[in-house]
Amino acid sequence: MLSVMAQAKRATVYLEPTLHRALRVKAAETDVSVSELVNDAVRFRLAEDAEDLEAFRIRAKEPTSSFENLVSDLKRRGKL
């Protein structure tokens, strides 16, 4: 982790005061730096985006149906 932090880039981020306070408290309670917490949060969010993109890619070949057809089918089957 030290070598990663040595190569880290500085960025200015503006946080809401309550978020900043919560982040500082979390850092103090967990003995983890604010930078590490922010990096972890960004990494987690980007991983979620990557998962979403993969799901879209996998489902891209699925057949589609219009909303109107879906509603008509639900009505025909007595679901609406």
C-alpha atoms as a PDB file:
ATOM      1  CA  MET A   1       0.000   0.000   0.000  1.00  0.00           C
ATOM      2  CA  LEU A   2       2.886   2.333   0.698  1.00  0.00           C
ATOM      3  CA  SER A   3       4.156   2.205  -2.891  1.00  0.00           C
ATOM      4  CA  VAL A   4       0.648   2.933  -4.167  1.00  0.00           C
ATOM      5  CA  MET A   5       0.333   5.946  -1.890  1.00  0.00           C
ATOM      6  CA  ALA A   6       3.781   7.156  -2.989  1.00  0.00           C
ATOM      7  CA  GLN A   7       2.445   7.263  -6.542  1.00  0.00           C
ATOM      8  CA  ALA A   8      -0.902   8.773  -5.541  1.00  0.00           C
ATOM      9  CA  LYS A   9      -2.196  11.890  -7.248  1.00  0.00           C
ATOM     10  CA  ARG A  10      -3.506  14.833  -5.283  1.00  0.00           C
ATOM     11  CA  ALA A  11      -7.067  15.994  -5.960  1.00  0.00           C
ATOM     12  CA  THR A  12      -9.240  18.664  -4.441  1.00  0.00           C
ATOM     13  CA  VAL A  13     -12.643  17.338  -3.451  1.00  0.00           C
ATOM     14  CA  TYR A  14     -15.350  19.420  -1.835  1.00  0.00           C
ATOM     15  CA  LEU A  15     -17.478  17.504   0.678  1.00  0.00           C
ATOM     16  CA  GLU A  16     -20.617  18.528   2.473  1.00  0.00           C
ATOM     17  CA  PRO A  17     -19.705  19.474   6.042  1.00  0.00           C
ATOM     18  CA  THR A  18     -21.639  16.562   7.568  1.00  0.00           C
ATOM     19  CA  LEU A  19     -20.018  14.062   5.187  1.00  0.00           C
ATOM     20  CA  HIS A  20     -16.583  15.464   5.945  1.00  0.00           C
ATOM     21  CA  ARG A  21     -17.188  15.189   9.690  1.00  0.00           C
ATOM     22  CA  ALA A  22     -18.468  11.614   9.342  1.00  0.00           C
ATOM     23  CA  LEU A  23     -15.495  10.692   7.180  1.00  0.00           C
ATOM     24  CA  ARG A  24     -13.029  12.110   9.728  1.00  0.00           C
ATOM     25  CA  VAL A  25     -14.764  10.256  12.570  1.00  0.00           C
ATOM     26  CA  LYS A  26     -14.749   7.000  10.572  1.00  0.00           C
ATOM     27  CA  ALA A  27     -11.049   7.470   9.806  1.00  0.00           C
ATOM     28  CA  ALA A  28     -10.242   8.044  13.470  1.00  0.00           C
ATOM     29  CA  GLU A  29     -12.343   5.111  14.669  1.00  0.00           C
ATOM     30  CA  THR A  30     -10.896   2.658  12.144  1.00  0.00           C
ATOM     31  CA  ASP A  31      -7.319   3.949  12.130  1.00  0.00           C
ATOM     32  CA  VAL A  32      -7.546   4.339   8.355  1.00  0.00           C
ATOM     33  CA  SER A  33      -6.694   7.580   6.587  1.00  0.00           C
ATOM     34  CA  VAL A  34      -9.360   9.746   4.993  1.00  0.00           C
ATOM     35  CA  SER A  35      -7.572   9.211   1.669  1.00  0.00           C
ATOM     36  CA  GLU A  36      -7.826   5.439   2.027  1.00  0.00           C
ATOM     37  CA  LEU A  37     -11.528   5.648   2.859  1.00  0.00           C
ATOM     38  CA  VAL A  38     -12.194   7.877  -0.149  1.00  0.00           C
ATOM     39  CA  ASN A  39     -10.115   5.638  -2.444  1.00  0.00           C
ATOM     40  CA  ASP A  40     -12.006   2.570  -1.208  1.00  0.00           C
ATOM     41  CA  ALA A  41     -15.370   4.263  -1.763  1.00  0.00           C
ATOM     42  CA  VAL A  42     -14.455   5.365  -5.296  1.00  0.00           C
ATOM     43  CA  ARG A  43     -13.046   1.922  -6.100  1.00  0.00           C
ATOM     44  CA  PHE A  44     -16.260   0.293  -4.821  1.00  0.00           C
ATOM     45  CA  ARG A  45     -18.443   2.617  -6.920  1.00  0.00           C
ATOM     46  CA  LEU A  46     -16.388   2.012 -10.061  1.00  0.00           C
ATOM     47  CA  ALA A  47     -16.602  -1.753  -9.481  1.00  0.00           C
ATOM     48  CA  GLU A  48     -20.397  -1.446  -9.256  1.00  0.00           C
ATOM     49  CA  ASP A  49     -20.394   0.419 -12.568  1.00  0.00           C
ATOM     50  CA  ALA A  50     -18.239  -2.299 -14.142  1.00  0.00           C
ATOM     51  CA  GLU A  51     -20.698  -4.953 -12.906  1.00  0.00           C
ATOM     52  CA  ASP A  52     -23.612  -2.986 -14.371  1.00  0.00           C
ATOM     53  CA  LEU A  53     -21.850  -2.638 -17.719  1.00  0.00           C
ATOM     54  CA  GLU A  54     -21.147  -6.375 -17.780  1.00  0.00           C
ATOM     55  CA  ALA A  55     -24.803  -7.123 -17.036  1.00  0.00           C
ATOM     56  CA  PHE A  56     -25.870  -4.830 -19.884  1.00  0.00           C
ATOM     57  CA  ARG A  57     -23.416  -6.540 -22.230  1.00  0.00           C
ATOM     58  CA  ILE A  58     -24.715  -9.991 -21.305  1.00  0.00           C
ATOM     59  CA  ARG A  59     -28.358  -8.961 -21.678  1.00  0.00           C
ATOM     60  CA  ALA A  60     -27.852  -7.014 -24.923  1.00  0.00           C
ATOM     61  CA  LYS A  61     -28.791 -10.058 -27.004  1.00  0.00           C
ATOM     62  CA  GLU A  62     -32.002 -10.800 -25.123  1.00  0.00           C
ATOM     63  CA  PRO A  63     -35.217 -10.260 -27.061  1.00  0.00           C
ATOM     64  CA  THR A  64     -37.030  -7.038 -26.285  1.00  0.00           C
ATOM     65  CA  SER A  65     -40.702  -6.184 -25.989  1.00  0.00           C
ATOM     66  CA  SER A  66     -42.451  -2.844 -25.979  1.00  0.00           C
ATOM     67  CA  PHE A  67     -44.162  -1.630 -22.848  1.00  0.00           C
ATOM     68  CA  GLU A  68     -47.484  -1.660 -24.700  1.00  0.00           C
ATOM     69  CA  ASN A  69     -47.023  -5.353 -25.604  1.00  0.00           C
ATOM     70  CA  LEU A  70     -46.136  -6.152 -22.011  1.00  0.00           C
ATOM     71  CA  VAL A  71     -49.267  -4.429 -20.689  1.00  0.00           C
ATOM     72  CA  SER A  72     -51.444  -6.142 -23.331  1.00  0.00           C
ATOM     73  CA  ASP A  73     -49.975  -9.535 -22.426  1.00  0.00           C
ATOM     74  CA  LEU A  74     -50.550  -8.943 -18.697  1.00  0.00           C
ATOM     75  CA  LYS A  75     -54.166  -7.951 -19.398  1.00  0.00           C
ATOM     76  CA  ARG A  76     -54.685 -10.992 -21.638  1.00  0.00           C
ATOM     77  CA  ARG A  77     -53.416 -13.277 -18.864  1.00  0.00           C
ATOM     78  CA  GLY A  78     -55.621 -11.570 -16.259  1.00  0.00           C
ATOM     79  CA  LYS A  79     -52.690 -10.105 -14.336  1.00  0.00           C
ATOM     80  CA  LEU A  80     -53.932  -6.527 -14.767  1.00  0.00           C
END
